[in-house]
Amino acid sequence: MELSGRPLSLEKIAAVAHGGESVQIAASVRSRVLASRKVVDDIVAREAVVYGVNTGFGRLADVRIR
């Protein structure tokens, strides 16, 4: 299966989870993945606290994850 930014069907997700189908990232979305990674790297470098990035979720929102 190729991740391209388009919606995934439950059948495709199940094929990966249960059938061992391999997953590739489409070249057309690689730059978007790298841009997202840069956002997270910048948050870590600034030691900013960002919900769900370096904190828990919900009741654990005040718990910092390092």
PDB file of N, CA and C in Angstrom:
ATOM      1  N   MET A   1       0.845  -1.163   0.000  1.00  0.00           N
ATOM      2  CA  MET A   1       0.000   0.000   0.000  1.00  0.00           C
ATOM      3  C   MET A   1       0.895   1.232   0.000  1.00  0.00           C
ATOM      4  N   GLU A   2       0.458   2.244  -0.711  1.00  0.00           N
ATOM      5  CA  GLU A   2       1.209   3.493  -0.769  1.00  0.00           C
ATOM      6  C   GLU A   2       0.424   4.591  -0.063  1.00  0.00           C
ATOM      7  N   LEU A   3       1.078   5.261   0.885  1.00  0.00           N
ATOM      8  CA  LEU A   3       0.466   6.405   1.563  1.00  0.00           C
ATOM      9  C   LEU A   3       0.656   7.627   0.693  1.00  0.00           C
ATOM     10  N   SER A   4      -0.466   8.215   0.277  1.00  0.00           N
ATOM     11  CA  SER A   4      -0.386   9.328  -0.661  1.00  0.00           C
ATOM     12  C   SER A   4      -1.144  10.564  -0.186  1.00  0.00           C
ATOM     13  N   GLY A   5      -1.695  10.510   1.023  1.00  0.00           N
ATOM     14  CA  GLY A   5      -2.491  11.629   1.524  1.00  0.00           C
ATOM     15  C   GLY A   5      -3.968  11.470   1.233  1.00  0.00           C
ATOM     16  N   ARG A   6      -4.311  10.432   0.514  1.00  0.00           N
ATOM     17  CA  ARG A   6      -5.723  10.161   0.217  1.00  0.00           C
ATOM     18  C   ARG A   6      -6.282   9.244   1.297  1.00  0.00           C
ATOM     19  N   PRO A   7      -7.601   9.247   1.495  1.00  0.00           N
ATOM     20  CA  PRO A   7      -8.199   8.395   2.533  1.00  0.00           C
ATOM     21  C   PRO A   7      -7.872   6.913   2.325  1.00  0.00           C
ATOM     22  N   LEU A   8      -7.757   6.213   3.448  1.00  0.00           N
ATOM     23  CA  LEU A   8      -7.500   4.781   3.415  1.00  0.00           C
ATOM     24  C   LEU A   8      -8.784   4.026   3.748  1.00  0.00           C
ATOM     25  N   SER A   9      -9.014   2.936   3.074  1.00  0.00           N
ATOM     26  CA  SER A   9     -10.176   2.109   3.381  1.00  0.00           C
ATOM     27  C   SER A   9      -9.844   1.203   4.572  1.00  0.00           C
ATOM     28  N   LEU A  10     -10.867   0.749   5.261  1.00  0.00           N
ATOM     29  CA  LEU A  10     -10.658  -0.187   6.362  1.00  0.00           C
ATOM     30  C   LEU A  10     -10.012  -1.469   5.862  1.00  0.00           C
ATOM     31  N   GLU A  11     -10.348  -1.862   4.654  1.00  0.00           N
ATOM     32  CA  GLU A  11      -9.767  -3.076   4.084  1.00  0.00           C
ATOM     33  C   GLU A  11      -8.253  -2.933   3.907  1.00  0.00           C
ATOM     34  N   LYS A  12      -7.816  -1.772   3.459  1.00  0.00           N
ATOM     35  CA  LYS A  12      -6.381  -1.558   3.276  1.00  0.00           C
ATOM     36  C   LYS A  12      -5.651  -1.523   4.616  1.00  0.00           C
ATOM     37  N   ILE A  13      -6.267  -0.884   5.593  1.00  0.00           N
ATOM     38  CA  ILE A  13      -5.661  -0.833   6.928  1.00  0.00           C
ATOM     39  C   ILE A  13      -5.571  -2.240   7.500  1.00  0.00           C
ATOM     40  N   ALA A  14      -6.634  -3.022   7.357  1.00  0.00           N
ATOM     41  CA  ALA A  14      -6.635  -4.397   7.849  1.00  0.00           C
ATOM     42  C   ALA A  14      -5.585  -5.238   7.136  1.00  0.00           C
ATOM     43  N   ALA A  15      -5.383  -5.011   5.845  1.00  0.00           N
ATOM     44  CA  ALA A  15      -4.381  -5.766   5.095  1.00  0.00           C
ATOM     45  C   ALA A  15      -2.980  -5.526   5.655  1.00  0.00           C
ATOM     46  N   VAL A  16      -2.726  -4.319   6.115  1.00  0.00           N
ATOM     47  CA  VAL A  16      -1.431  -4.010   6.726  1.00  0.00           C
ATOM     48  C   VAL A  16      -1.357  -4.624   8.118  1.00  0.00           C
ATOM     49  N   ALA A  17      -2.408  -4.422   8.915  1.00  0.00           N
ATOM     50  CA  ALA A  17      -2.404  -4.876  10.306  1.00  0.00           C
ATOM     51  C   ALA A  17      -2.429  -6.397  10.431  1.00  0.00           C
ATOM     52  N   HIS A  18      -3.198  -7.045   9.593  1.00  0.00           N
ATOM     53  CA  HIS A  18      -3.394  -8.487   9.745  1.00  0.00           C
ATOM     54  C   HIS A  18      -2.750  -9.315   8.641  1.00  0.00           C
ATOM     55  N   GLY A  19      -2.584  -8.724   7.483  1.00  0.00           N
ATOM     56  CA  GLY A  19      -2.079  -9.491   6.358  1.00  0.00           C
ATOM     57  C   GLY A  19      -0.624  -9.263   6.044  1.00  0.00           C
ATOM     58  N   GLY A  20       0.006  -8.345   6.754  1.00  0.00           N
ATOM     59  CA  GLY A  20       1.418  -8.104   6.529  1.00  0.00           C
ATOM     60  C   GLY A  20       1.750  -7.338   5.262  1.00  0.00           C
ATOM     61  N   GLU A  21       0.766  -6.668   4.664  1.00  0.00           N
ATOM     62  CA  GLU A  21       1.045  -5.876   3.463  1.00  0.00           C
ATOM     63  C   GLU A  21       2.029  -4.766   3.811  1.00  0.00           C
ATOM     64  N   SER A  22       2.965  -4.507   2.940  1.00  0.00           N
ATOM     65  CA  SER A  22       3.961  -3.471   3.192  1.00  0.00           C
ATOM     66  C   SER A  22       3.383  -2.090   2.894  1.00  0.00           C
ATOM     67  N   VAL A  23       4.034  -1.074   3.469  1.00  0.00           N
ATOM     68  CA  VAL A  23       3.583   0.311   3.323  1.00  0.00           C
ATOM     69  C   VAL A  23       4.745   1.151   2.802  1.00  0.00           C
ATOM     70  N   GLN A  24       4.458   1.972   1.801  1.00  0.00           N
ATOM     71  CA  GLN A  24       5.441   2.916   1.275  1.00  0.00           C
ATOM     72  C   GLN A  24       4.834   4.312   1.320  1.00  0.00           C
ATOM     73  N   ILE A  25       5.716   5.303   1.402  1.00  0.00           N
ATOM     74  CA  ILE A  25       5.282   6.696   1.361  1.00  0.00           C
ATOM     75  C   ILE A  25       5.494   7.202  -0.056  1.00  0.00           C
ATOM     76  N   ALA A  26       4.455   7.749  -0.655  1.00  0.00           N
ATOM     77  CA  ALA A  26       4.539   8.269  -2.017  1.00  0.00           C
ATOM     78  C   ALA A  26       5.522   9.430  -2.070  1.00  0.00           C
ATOM     79  N   ALA A  27       6.288   9.488  -3.125  1.00  0.00           N
ATOM     80  CA  ALA A  27       7.258  10.577  -3.299  1.00  0.00           C
ATOM     81  C   ALA A  27       6.564  11.936  -3.264  1.00  0.00           C
ATOM     82  N   SER A  28       5.335  11.992  -3.739  1.00  0.00           N
ATOM     83  CA  SER A  28       4.603  13.260  -3.796  1.00  0.00           C
ATOM     84  C   SER A  28       4.266  13.827  -2.422  1.00  0.00           C
ATOM     85  N   VAL A  29       4.290  13.004  -1.363  1.00  0.00           N
ATOM     86  CA  VAL A  29       3.966  13.507  -0.020  1.00  0.00           C
ATOM     87  C   VAL A  29       5.183  13.553   0.899  1.00  0.00           C
ATOM     88  N   ARG A  30       6.309  13.074   0.414  1.00  0.00           N
ATOM     89  CA  ARG A  30       7.512  13.039   1.253  1.00  0.00           C
ATOM     90  C   ARG A  30       7.869  14.426   1.795  1.00  0.00           C
ATOM     91  N   SER A  31       7.734  15.466   0.987  1.00  0.00           N
ATOM     92  CA  SER A  31       8.069  16.817   1.455  1.00  0.00           C
ATOM     93  C   SER A  31       7.137  17.262   2.577  1.00  0.00           C
ATOM     94  N   ARG A  32       5.873  16.843   2.533  1.00  0.00           N
ATOM     95  CA  ARG A  32       4.934  17.176   3.609  1.00  0.00           C
ATOM     96  C   ARG A  32       5.312  16.462   4.901  1.00  0.00           C
ATOM     97  N   VAL A  33       5.747  15.223   4.800  1.00  0.00           N
ATOM     98  CA  VAL A  33       6.189  14.470   5.977  1.00  0.00           C
ATOM     99  C   VAL A  33       7.415  15.144   6.588  1.00  0.00           C
ATOM    100  N   LEU A  34       8.367  15.518   5.749  1.00  0.00           N
ATOM    101  CA  LEU A  34       9.576  16.176   6.241  1.00  0.00           C
ATOM    102  C   LEU A  34       9.268  17.530   6.875  1.00  0.00           C
ATOM    103  N   ALA A  35       8.319  18.274   6.317  1.00  0.00           N
ATOM    104  CA  ALA A  35       7.924  19.565   6.896  1.00  0.00           C
ATOM    105  C   ALA A  35       7.292  19.361   8.271  1.00  0.00           C
ATOM    106  N   SER A  36       6.479  18.327   8.408  1.00  0.00           N
ATOM    107  CA  SER A  36       5.866  18.026   9.707  1.00  0.00           C
ATOM    108  C   SER A  36       6.924  17.644  10.727  1.00  0.00           C
ATOM    109  N   ARG A  37       7.895  16.867  10.295  1.00  0.00           N
ATOM    110  CA  ARG A  37       8.993  16.472  11.173  1.00  0.00           C
ATOM    111  C   ARG A  37       9.761  17.698  11.649  1.00  0.00           C
ATOM    112  N   LYS A  38       9.971  18.677  10.760  1.00  0.00           N
ATOM    113  CA  LYS A  38      10.680  19.892  11.132  1.00  0.00           C
ATOM    114  C   LYS A  38       9.927  20.661  12.209  1.00  0.00           C
ATOM    115  N   VAL A  39       8.595  20.696  12.129  1.00  0.00           N
ATOM    116  CA  VAL A  39       7.787  21.364  13.149  1.00  0.00           C
ATOM    117  C   VAL A  39       8.042  20.722  14.514  1.00  0.00           C
ATOM    118  N   VAL A  40       8.028  19.398  14.562  1.00  0.00           N
ATOM    119  CA  VAL A  40       8.269  18.696  15.827  1.00  0.00           C
ATOM    120  C   VAL A  40       9.698  18.930  16.306  1.00  0.00           C
ATOM    121  N   ASP A  41      10.668  18.858  15.404  1.00  0.00           N
ATOM    122  CA  ASP A  41      12.058  19.122  15.790  1.00  0.00           C
ATOM    123  C   ASP A  41      12.221  20.523  16.365  1.00  0.00           C
ATOM    124  N   ASP A  42      11.547  21.518  15.788  1.00  0.00           N
ATOM    125  CA  ASP A  42      11.617  22.896  16.283  1.00  0.00           C
ATOM    126  C   ASP A  42      10.996  23.014  17.672  1.00  0.00           C
ATOM    127  N   ILE A  43       9.893  22.320  17.900  1.00  0.00           N
ATOM    128  CA  ILE A  43       9.254  22.317  19.227  1.00  0.00           C
ATOM    129  C   ILE A  43      10.214  21.751  20.263  1.00  0.00           C
ATOM    130  N   VAL A  44      10.851  20.648  19.936  1.00  0.00           N
ATOM    131  CA  VAL A  44      11.793  20.011  20.855  1.00  0.00           C
ATOM    132  C   VAL A  44      12.991  20.930  21.107  1.00  0.00           C
ATOM    133  N   ALA A  45      13.512  21.536  20.064  1.00  0.00           N
ATOM    134  CA  ALA A  45      14.676  22.418  20.207  1.00  0.00           C
ATOM    135  C   ALA A  45      14.374  23.624  21.095  1.00  0.00           C
ATOM    136  N   ARG A  46      13.148  24.153  21.002  1.00  0.00           N
ATOM    137  CA  ARG A  46      12.753  25.312  21.819  1.00  0.00           C
ATOM    138  C   ARG A  46      12.321  24.911  23.224  1.00  0.00           C
ATOM    139  N   GLU A  47      12.200  23.589  23.450  1.00  0.00           N
ATOM    140  CA  GLU A  47      11.701  23.054  24.714  1.00  0.00           C
ATOM    141  C   GLU A  47      10.313  23.585  25.029  1.00  0.00           C
ATOM    142  N   ALA A  48       9.528  23.846  23.988  1.00  0.00           N
ATOM    143  CA  ALA A  48       8.143  24.290  24.164  1.00  0.00           C
ATOM    144  C   ALA A  48       7.295  23.113  24.624  1.00  0.00           C
ATOM    145  N   VAL A  49       6.236  23.416  25.354  1.00  0.00           N
ATOM    146  CA  VAL A  49       5.294  22.386  25.786  1.00  0.00           C
ATOM    147  C   VAL A  49       4.097  22.448  24.841  1.00  0.00           C
ATOM    148  N   VAL A  50       3.859  21.364  24.126  1.00  0.00           N
ATOM    149  CA  VAL A  50       2.783  21.317  23.134  1.00  0.00           C
ATOM    150  C   VAL A  50       1.945  20.070  23.381  1.00  0.00           C
ATOM    151  N   TYR A  51       0.672  20.296  23.639  1.00  0.00           N
ATOM    152  CA  TYR A  51      -0.263  19.215  23.935  1.00  0.00           C
ATOM    153  C   TYR A  51      -0.196  18.120  22.871  1.00  0.00           C
ATOM    154  N   GLY A  52      -0.011  16.892  23.319  1.00  0.00           N
ATOM    155  CA  GLY A  52      -0.012  15.748  22.419  1.00  0.00           C
ATOM    156  C   GLY A  52       1.279  15.527  21.668  1.00  0.00           C
ATOM    157  N   VAL A  53       2.165  16.516  21.679  1.00  0.00           N
ATOM    158  CA  VAL A  53       3.464  16.337  21.033  1.00  0.00           C
ATOM    159  C   VAL A  53       4.470  15.879  22.076  1.00  0.00           C
ATOM    160  N   ASN A  54       4.563  16.626  23.166  1.00  0.00           N
ATOM    161  CA  ASN A  54       5.454  16.218  24.244  1.00  0.00           C
ATOM    162  C   ASN A  54       4.753  16.240  25.602  1.00  0.00           C
ATOM    163  N   THR A  55       3.423  16.104  25.554  1.00  0.00           N
ATOM    164  CA  THR A  55       2.627  15.878  26.759  1.00  0.00           C
ATOM    165  C   THR A  55       1.713  14.690  26.486  1.00  0.00           C
ATOM    166  N   GLY A  56       1.106  14.207  27.565  1.00  0.00           N
ATOM    167  CA  GLY A  56       0.096  13.178  27.381  1.00  0.00           C
ATOM    168  C   GLY A  56      -1.175  13.800  26.832  1.00  0.00           C
ATOM    169  N   PHE A  57      -2.204  12.961  26.696  1.00  0.00           N
ATOM    170  CA  PHE A  57      -3.502  13.416  26.203  1.00  0.00           C
ATOM    171  C   PHE A  57      -4.516  13.409  27.340  1.00  0.00           C
ATOM    172  N   GLY A  58      -5.541  14.229  27.205  1.00  0.00           N
ATOM    173  CA  GLY A  58      -6.645  14.223  28.179  1.00  0.00           C
ATOM    174  C   GLY A  58      -6.152  14.506  29.579  1.00  0.00           C
ATOM    175  N   ARG A  59      -6.440  13.583  30.498  1.00  0.00           N
ATOM    176  CA  ARG A  59      -6.065  13.764  31.901  1.00  0.00           C
ATOM    177  C   ARG A  59      -4.564  13.797  32.099  1.00  0.00           C
ATOM    178  N   LEU A  60      -3.809  13.348  31.115  1.00  0.00           N
ATOM    179  CA  LEU A  60      -2.355  13.353  31.216  1.00  0.00           C
ATOM    180  C   LEU A  60      -1.741  14.538  30.478  1.00  0.00           C
ATOM    181  N   ALA A  61      -2.558  15.538  30.175  1.00  0.00           N
ATOM    182  CA  ALA A  61      -2.081  16.708  29.440  1.00  0.00           C
ATOM    183  C   ALA A  61      -1.002  17.482  30.203  1.00  0.00           C
ATOM    184  N   ASP A  62      -1.005  17.345  31.513  1.00  0.00           N
ATOM    185  CA  ASP A  62       0.004  18.035  32.318  1.00  0.00           C
ATOM    186  C   ASP A  62       1.263  17.207  32.522  1.00  0.00           C
ATOM    187  N   VAL A  63       1.302  16.002  31.964  1.00  0.00           N
ATOM    188  CA  VAL A  63       2.465  15.133  32.123  1.00  0.00           C
ATOM    189  C   VAL A  63       3.370  15.313  30.908  1.00  0.00           C
ATOM    190  N   ARG A  64       4.563  15.776  31.162  1.00  0.00           N
ATOM    191  CA  ARG A  64       5.524  16.021  30.081  1.00  0.00           C
ATOM    192  C   ARG A  64       6.217  14.715  29.705  1.00  0.00           C
ATOM    193  N   ILE A  65       6.323  14.466  28.427  1.00  0.00           N
ATOM    194  CA  ILE A  65       6.993  13.274  27.909  1.00  0.00           C
ATOM    195  C   ILE A  65       8.309  13.724  27.305  1.00  0.00           C
ATOM    196  N   ARG A  66       9.357  13.088  27.703  1.00  0.00           N
ATOM    197  CA  ARG A  66      10.693  13.467  27.209  1.00  0.00           C
ATOM    198  C   ARG A  66      11.276  12.380  26.360  1.00  0.00           C
TER     199      ARG A  66
END
